[in-house]
């Protein structure tokens, strides 16, 4: 079953923004942040800096979640 992305609000370095993510990616992103004692805004800001200009923030968050899930 495919779920449509939902808009999620974030604050990155003091600036409000939003990303459209599916529940499964958002839930995993929040779990990863929690497991690492990180605030979701801080983790998202770090990913935002690392992504450069090649992809959007939502795609960068999905790729980050995927990479974390593939770690042994």
PDB file of N, CA and C in Angstrom:
ATOM      1  N   UNK A   1       0.831  -1.168   0.000  1.00  0.00           N
ATOM      2  CA  UNK A   1       0.000   0.000   0.000  1.00  0.00           C
ATOM      3  C   UNK A   1       0.887   1.246   0.000  1.00  0.00           C
ATOM      4  N   UNK A   2       0.637   2.137  -0.903  1.00  0.00           N
ATOM      5  CA  UNK A   2       1.437   3.352  -1.038  1.00  0.00           C
ATOM      6  C   UNK A   2       0.696   4.515  -0.391  1.00  0.00           C
ATOM      7  N   UNK A   3       1.373   5.181   0.516  1.00  0.00           N
ATOM      8  CA  UNK A   3       0.788   6.339   1.191  1.00  0.00           C
ATOM      9  C   UNK A   3       1.357   7.610   0.579  1.00  0.00           C
ATOM     10  N   UNK A   4       0.519   8.608   0.501  1.00  0.00           N
ATOM     11  CA  UNK A   4       0.965   9.900  -0.028  1.00  0.00           C
ATOM     12  C   UNK A   4       1.832  10.608   1.003  1.00  0.00           C
ATOM     13  N   UNK A   5       2.800  11.362   0.548  1.00  0.00           N
ATOM     14  CA  UNK A   5       3.625  12.137   1.481  1.00  0.00           C
ATOM     15  C   UNK A   5       2.781  13.191   2.205  1.00  0.00           C
ATOM     16  N   UNK A   6       3.177  13.496   3.423  1.00  0.00           N
ATOM     17  CA  UNK A   6       2.538  14.557   4.209  1.00  0.00           C
ATOM     18  C   UNK A   6       3.561  15.650   4.470  1.00  0.00           C
ATOM     19  N   UNK A   7       3.080  16.883   4.539  1.00  0.00           N
ATOM     20  CA  UNK A   7       3.966  18.006   4.862  1.00  0.00           C
ATOM     21  C   UNK A   7       4.352  17.925   6.334  1.00  0.00           C
ATOM     22  N   UNK A   8       5.646  18.065   6.601  1.00  0.00           N
ATOM     23  CA  UNK A   8       6.190  18.052   7.956  1.00  0.00           C
ATOM     24  C   UNK A   8       6.954  19.348   8.151  1.00  0.00           C
ATOM     25  N   UNK A   9       6.743  19.996   9.268  1.00  0.00           N
ATOM     26  CA  UNK A   9       7.421  21.264   9.567  1.00  0.00           C
ATOM     27  C   UNK A   9       8.721  21.011  10.311  1.00  0.00           C
ATOM     28  N   UNK A  10       9.744  21.743   9.926  1.00  0.00           N
ATOM     29  CA  UNK A  10      11.052  21.685  10.569  1.00  0.00           C
ATOM     30  C   UNK A  10      11.581  23.104  10.737  1.00  0.00           C
ATOM     31  N   UNK A  11      12.484  23.261  11.681  1.00  0.00           N
ATOM     32  CA  UNK A  11      13.202  24.518  11.841  1.00  0.00           C
ATOM     33  C   UNK A  11      14.682  24.207  11.683  1.00  0.00           C
ATOM     34  N   UNK A  12      15.270  24.741  10.631  1.00  0.00           N
ATOM     35  CA  UNK A  12      16.684  24.505  10.324  1.00  0.00           C
ATOM     36  C   UNK A  12      17.468  25.783  10.548  1.00  0.00           C
ATOM     37  N   UNK A  13      18.326  25.761  11.556  1.00  0.00           N
ATOM     38  CA  UNK A  13      19.153  26.917  11.882  1.00  0.00           C
ATOM     39  C   UNK A  13      18.322  28.201  12.002  1.00  0.00           C
ATOM     40  N   UNK A  14      17.187  28.091  12.698  1.00  0.00           N
ATOM     41  CA  UNK A  14      16.335  29.243  12.962  1.00  0.00           C
ATOM     42  C   UNK A  14      15.332  29.585  11.877  1.00  0.00           C
ATOM     43  N   UNK A  15      15.315  28.852  10.777  1.00  0.00           N
ATOM     44  CA  UNK A  15      14.394  29.131   9.675  1.00  0.00           C
ATOM     45  C   UNK A  15      13.401  27.996   9.522  1.00  0.00           C
ATOM     46  N   UNK A  16      12.121  28.349   9.458  1.00  0.00           N
ATOM     47  CA  UNK A  16      11.071  27.346   9.282  1.00  0.00           C
ATOM     48  C   UNK A  16      11.055  26.865   7.836  1.00  0.00           C
ATOM     49  N   UNK A  17      10.846  25.561   7.670  1.00  0.00           N
ATOM     50  CA  UNK A  17      10.706  24.974   6.343  1.00  0.00           C
ATOM     51  C   UNK A  17       9.809  23.758   6.480  1.00  0.00           C
ATOM     52  N   UNK A  18       9.439  23.186   5.370  1.00  0.00           N
ATOM     53  CA  UNK A  18       8.646  21.967   5.422  1.00  0.00           C
ATOM     54  C   UNK A  18       9.159  20.993   4.369  1.00  0.00           C
ATOM     55  N   UNK A  19       8.938  19.725   4.647  1.00  0.00           N
ATOM     56  CA  UNK A  19       9.280  18.662   3.712  1.00  0.00           C
ATOM     57  C   UNK A  19       8.067  17.757   3.585  1.00  0.00           C
ATOM     58  N   UNK A  20       7.922  17.140   2.440  1.00  0.00           N
ATOM     59  CA  UNK A  20       6.849  16.175   2.232  1.00  0.00           C
ATOM     60  C   UNK A  20       7.445  14.783   2.303  1.00  0.00           C
ATOM     61  N   UNK A  21       7.069  14.039   3.352  1.00  0.00           N
ATOM     62  CA  UNK A  21       7.586  12.691   3.555  1.00  0.00           C
ATOM     63  C   UNK A  21       6.447  11.737   3.885  1.00  0.00           C
ATOM     64  N   UNK A  22       6.603  10.513   3.428  1.00  0.00           N
ATOM     65  CA  UNK A  22       5.668   9.461   3.765  1.00  0.00           C
ATOM     66  C   UNK A  22       5.827   9.116   5.249  1.00  0.00           C
ATOM     67  N   UNK A  23       4.750   8.611   5.854  1.00  0.00           N
ATOM     68  CA  UNK A  23       4.782   8.261   7.277  1.00  0.00           C
ATOM     69  C   UNK A  23       5.932   7.319   7.613  1.00  0.00           C
ATOM     70  N   UNK A  24       6.189   6.326   6.780  1.00  0.00           N
ATOM     71  CA  UNK A  24       7.234   5.342   7.069  1.00  0.00           C
ATOM     72  C   UNK A  24       8.603   6.005   7.174  1.00  0.00           C
ATOM     73  N   UNK A  25       8.913   6.930   6.266  1.00  0.00           N
ATOM     74  CA  UNK A  25      10.199   7.626   6.325  1.00  0.00           C
ATOM     75  C   UNK A  25      10.256   8.577   7.519  1.00  0.00           C
ATOM     76  N   UNK A  26       9.176   9.299   7.772  1.00  0.00           N
ATOM     77  CA  UNK A  26       9.152  10.225   8.895  1.00  0.00           C
ATOM     78  C   UNK A  26       9.315   9.478  10.218  1.00  0.00           C
ATOM     79  N   UNK A  27       8.583   8.388  10.363  1.00  0.00           N
ATOM     80  CA  UNK A  27       8.668   7.599  11.598  1.00  0.00           C
ATOM     81  C   UNK A  27      10.081   7.076  11.830  1.00  0.00           C
ATOM     82  N   UNK A  28      10.727   6.575  10.782  1.00  0.00           N
ATOM     83  CA  UNK A  28      12.103   6.074  10.912  1.00  0.00           C
ATOM     84  C   UNK A  28      13.074   7.206  11.195  1.00  0.00           C
ATOM     85  N   UNK A  29      12.881   8.334  10.539  1.00  0.00           N
ATOM     86  CA  UNK A  29      13.741   9.493  10.787  1.00  0.00           C
ATOM     87  C   UNK A  29      13.653   9.916  12.254  1.00  0.00           C
ATOM     88  N   UNK A  30      12.447   9.980  12.793  1.00  0.00           N
ATOM     89  CA  UNK A  30      12.252  10.344  14.200  1.00  0.00           C
ATOM     90  C   UNK A  30      12.863   9.298  15.124  1.00  0.00           C
ATOM     91  N   UNK A  31      12.732   8.030  14.777  1.00  0.00           N
ATOM     92  CA  UNK A  31      13.308   6.956  15.589  1.00  0.00           C
ATOM     93  C   UNK A  31      14.828   7.061  15.608  1.00  0.00           C
ATOM     94  N   UNK A  32      15.430   7.300  14.439  1.00  0.00           N
ATOM     95  CA  UNK A  32      16.882   7.428  14.332  1.00  0.00           C
ATOM     96  C   UNK A  32      17.358   8.601  15.183  1.00  0.00           C
ATOM     97  N   UNK A  33      16.678   9.733  15.086  1.00  0.00           N
ATOM     98  CA  UNK A  33      17.046  10.900  15.892  1.00  0.00           C
ATOM     99  C   UNK A  33      16.951  10.560  17.373  1.00  0.00           C
ATOM    100  N   UNK A  34      15.868   9.927  17.775  1.00  0.00           N
ATOM    101  CA  UNK A  34      15.669   9.563  19.181  1.00  0.00           C
ATOM    102  C   UNK A  34      16.730   8.577  19.661  1.00  0.00           C
ATOM    103  N   UNK A  35      17.020   7.565  18.844  1.00  0.00           N
ATOM    104  CA  UNK A  35      18.032   6.568  19.216  1.00  0.00           C
ATOM    105  C   UNK A  35      19.411   7.191  19.429  1.00  0.00           C
ATOM    106  N   UNK A  36      19.655   8.307  18.750  1.00  0.00           N
ATOM    107  CA  UNK A  36      20.946   8.987  18.845  1.00  0.00           C
ATOM    108  C   UNK A  36      20.890  10.231  19.734  1.00  0.00           C
ATOM    109  N   UNK A  37      19.800  10.344  20.496  1.00  0.00           N
ATOM    110  CA  UNK A  37      19.617  11.494  21.401  1.00  0.00           C
ATOM    111  C   UNK A  37      19.781  12.831  20.683  1.00  0.00           C
ATOM    112  N   UNK A  38      19.185  12.902  19.490  1.00  0.00           N
ATOM    113  CA  UNK A  38      19.262  14.115  18.674  1.00  0.00           C
ATOM    114  C   UNK A  38      17.860  14.680  18.481  1.00  0.00           C
ATOM    115  N   UNK A  39      17.749  15.970  18.443  1.00  0.00           N
ATOM    116  CA  UNK A  39      16.490  16.606  18.068  1.00  0.00           C
ATOM    117  C   UNK A  39      16.317  16.461  16.559  1.00  0.00           C
ATOM    118  N   UNK A  40      15.090  16.253  16.114  1.00  0.00           N
ATOM    119  CA  UNK A  40      14.879  16.056  14.671  1.00  0.00           C
ATOM    120  C   UNK A  40      15.307  17.289  13.882  1.00  0.00           C
ATOM    121  N   UNK A  41      15.106  18.484  14.435  1.00  0.00           N
ATOM    122  CA  UNK A  41      15.528  19.696  13.728  1.00  0.00           C
ATOM    123  C   UNK A  41      17.040  19.762  13.577  1.00  0.00           C
ATOM    124  N   UNK A  42      17.774  19.356  14.603  1.00  0.00           N
ATOM    125  CA  UNK A  42      19.236  19.369  14.524  1.00  0.00           C
ATOM    126  C   UNK A  42      19.751  18.353  13.513  1.00  0.00           C
ATOM    127  N   UNK A  43      19.174  17.154  13.530  1.00  0.00           N
ATOM    128  CA  UNK A  43      19.586  16.128  12.572  1.00  0.00           C
ATOM    129  C   UNK A  43      19.233  16.554  11.152  1.00  0.00           C
ATOM    130  N   UNK A  44      18.054  17.107  10.961  1.00  0.00           N
ATOM    131  CA  UNK A  44      17.648  17.577   9.629  1.00  0.00           C
ATOM    132  C   UNK A  44      18.561  18.698   9.148  1.00  0.00           C
ATOM    133  N   UNK A  45      18.969  19.590  10.040  1.00  0.00           N
ATOM    134  CA  UNK A  45      19.877  20.687   9.657  1.00  0.00           C
ATOM    135  C   UNK A  45      21.232  20.135   9.222  1.00  0.00           C
ATOM    136  N   UNK A  46      21.717  19.097   9.922  1.00  0.00           N
ATOM    137  CA  UNK A  46      22.985  18.470   9.541  1.00  0.00           C
ATOM    138  C   UNK A  46      22.875  17.834   8.154  1.00  0.00           C
ATOM    139  N   UNK A  47      21.787  17.140   7.908  1.00  0.00           N
ATOM    140  CA  UNK A  47      21.565  16.500   6.605  1.00  0.00           C
ATOM    141  C   UNK A  47      21.434  17.563   5.523  1.00  0.00           C
ATOM    142  N   UNK A  48      20.765  18.662   5.848  1.00  0.00           N
ATOM    143  CA  UNK A  48      20.587  19.755   4.894  1.00  0.00           C
ATOM    144  C   UNK A  48      21.933  20.302   4.435  1.00  0.00           C
ATOM    145  N   UNK A  49      22.871  20.468   5.356  1.00  0.00           N
ATOM    146  CA  UNK A  49      24.202  20.974   5.014  1.00  0.00           C
ATOM    147  C   UNK A  49      24.947  19.954   4.154  1.00  0.00           C
ATOM    148  N   UNK A  50      24.836  18.673   4.494  1.00  0.00           N
ATOM    149  CA  UNK A  50      25.563  17.624   3.770  1.00  0.00           C
ATOM    150  C   UNK A  50      25.025  17.383   2.362  1.00  0.00           C
ATOM    151  N   UNK A  51      23.773  17.705   2.104  1.00  0.00           N
ATOM    152  CA  UNK A  51      23.154  17.338   0.822  1.00  0.00           C
ATOM    153  C   UNK A  51      23.648  18.160  -0.350  1.00  0.00           C
ATOM    154  N   UNK A  52      24.159  19.336  -0.088  1.00  0.00           N
ATOM    155  CA  UNK A  52      24.608  20.182  -1.180  1.00  0.00           C
ATOM    156  C   UNK A  52      23.434  20.657  -2.005  1.00  0.00           C
ATOM    157  N   UNK A  53      23.639  20.776  -3.310  1.00  0.00           N
ATOM    158  CA  UNK A  53      22.578  21.289  -4.182  1.00  0.00           C
ATOM    159  C   UNK A  53      22.048  20.238  -5.144  1.00  0.00           C
ATOM    160  N   UNK A  54      22.493  18.993  -4.981  1.00  0.00           N
ATOM    161  CA  UNK A  54      22.122  17.959  -5.941  1.00  0.00           C
ATOM    162  C   UNK A  54      20.735  17.370  -5.738  1.00  0.00           C
ATOM    163  N   UNK A  55      20.171  17.503  -4.525  1.00  0.00           N
ATOM    164  CA  UNK A  55      18.837  16.951  -4.302  1.00  0.00           C
ATOM    165  C   UNK A  55      18.109  17.791  -3.264  1.00  0.00           C
ATOM    166  N   UNK A  56      16.807  17.632  -3.225  1.00  0.00           N
ATOM    167  CA  UNK A  56      15.995  18.355  -2.261  1.00  0.00           C
ATOM    168  C   UNK A  56      16.131  17.770  -0.868  1.00  0.00           C
ATOM    169  N   UNK A  57      15.650  18.506   0.104  1.00  0.00           N
ATOM    170  CA  UNK A  57      15.764  18.071   1.489  1.00  0.00           C
ATOM    171  C   UNK A  57      14.990  16.782   1.736  1.00  0.00           C
ATOM    172  N   UNK A  58      13.783  16.662   1.200  1.00  0.00           N
ATOM    173  CA  UNK A  58      12.996  15.441   1.418  1.00  0.00           C
ATOM    174  C   UNK A  58      13.736  14.219   0.869  1.00  0.00           C
ATOM    175  N   UNK A  59      14.313  14.339  -0.310  1.00  0.00           N
ATOM    176  CA  UNK A  59      15.084  13.230  -0.883  1.00  0.00           C
ATOM    177  C   UNK A  59      16.300  12.919  -0.031  1.00  0.00           C
ATOM    178  N   UNK A  60      16.966  13.948   0.453  1.00  0.00           N
ATOM    179  CA  UNK A  60      18.144  13.744   1.303  1.00  0.00           C
ATOM    180  C   UNK A  60      17.763  13.019   2.590  1.00  0.00           C
ATOM    181  N   UNK A  61      16.611  13.366   3.171  1.00  0.00           N
ATOM    182  CA  UNK A  61      16.154  12.685   4.382  1.00  0.00           C
ATOM    183  C   UNK A  61      15.828  11.219   4.095  1.00  0.00           C
ATOM    184  N   UNK A  62      15.185  10.952   2.973  1.00  0.00           N
ATOM    185  CA  UNK A  62      14.886   9.563   2.608  1.00  0.00           C
ATOM    186  C   UNK A  62      16.172   8.755   2.421  1.00  0.00           C
ATOM    187  N   UNK A  63      17.139   9.331   1.734  1.00  0.00           N
ATOM    188  CA  UNK A  63      18.409   8.638   1.513  1.00  0.00           C
ATOM    189  C   UNK A  63      19.157   8.407   2.816  1.00  0.00           C
ATOM    190  N   UNK A  64      19.089   9.362   3.720  1.00  0.00           N
ATOM    191  CA  UNK A  64      19.725   9.213   5.026  1.00  0.00           C
ATOM    192  C   UNK A  64      19.081   8.058   5.792  1.00  0.00           C
ATOM    193  N   UNK A  65      17.755   8.026   5.824  1.00  0.00           N
ATOM    194  CA  UNK A  65      17.045   6.940   6.512  1.00  0.00           C
ATOM    195  C   UNK A  65      17.421   5.598   5.892  1.00  0.00           C
ATOM    196  N   UNK A  66      17.422   5.513   4.589  1.00  0.00           N
ATOM    197  CA  UNK A  66      17.783   4.271   3.911  1.00  0.00           C
ATOM    198  C   UNK A  66      19.191   3.840   4.276  1.00  0.00           C
ATOM    199  N   UNK A  67      20.129   4.766   4.260  1.00  0.00           N
ATOM    200  CA  UNK A  67      21.521   4.441   4.611  1.00  0.00           C
ATOM    201  C   UNK A  67      21.621   3.934   6.047  1.00  0.00           C
ATOM    202  N   UNK A  68      20.878   4.558   6.946  1.00  0.00           N
ATOM    203  CA  UNK A  68      20.920   4.121   8.350  1.00  0.00           C
ATOM    204  C   UNK A  68      20.326   2.720   8.517  1.00  0.00           C
ATOM    205  N   UNK A  69      19.276   2.431   7.778  1.00  0.00           N
ATOM    206  CA  UNK A  69      18.637   1.118   7.865  1.00  0.00           C
ATOM    207  C   UNK A  69      19.504   0.015   7.252  1.00  0.00           C
ATOM    208  N   UNK A  70      20.376   0.385   6.314  1.00  0.00           N
ATOM    209  CA  UNK A  70      21.234  -0.602   5.661  1.00  0.00           C
ATOM    210  C   UNK A  70      22.516  -0.879   6.445  1.00  0.00           C
ATOM    211  N   UNK A  71      22.788  -0.055   7.472  1.00  0.00           N
ATOM    212  CA  UNK A  71      23.991  -0.285   8.278  1.00  0.00           C
ATOM    213  C   UNK A  71      23.874  -1.612   9.008  1.00  0.00           C
ATOM    214  N   UNK A  72      24.986  -2.342   9.090  1.00  0.00           N
ATOM    215  CA  UNK A  72      24.937  -3.638   9.814  1.00  0.00           C
ATOM    216  C   UNK A  72      24.736  -3.448  11.306  1.00  0.00           C
TER     217      UNK A  72
END
